[in-house]
Amino acid sequence: AVVTEKKPMTRAAKRRARKKKRAKTANAPVADAKAPEEPRPSQSTVKFPAPPARLSRLVYLSCGFAAFQRDCDALVKSGEWRLTHAEGFNFFPGSDHVETLAVFDREETGAAFWEG
């Protein structure tokens, strides 16, 4: 194997490279049209898929409380699921972001995973 040493760039060479890069981006064509924004996952356009009929317990982890609230409402209002347990986790100390872990049981099973 042949190893070649790369010479470090001098300050003048770095300056020339930055100037060349700026000139290249300044002459770049500007788009006339803007791409339409796609709906964000937390918006109401997203539908929660119905869990398979063979499931008796659903463990759900949400990375946003708004999404959890929307999906929880959909599951409970369907009449098939009951919220058995919910717990919040702060994986990012210093922020207000909370991950939500929830357990849903089918109404016909009636089995609670955590008995309080």
Foldseek 3Di string as FASTA:
>chain_A
DDDDDDDDDDPVRVVVVVVVVVVVVVPDDDDPDDDDDDDDPLDPVDDDDDDDPPDFKDKDKAFAVSNVVNVVCVVVVVVFKDWQDKDWDDPDPPDPTIIMITMIGTPVVPDHPDDD
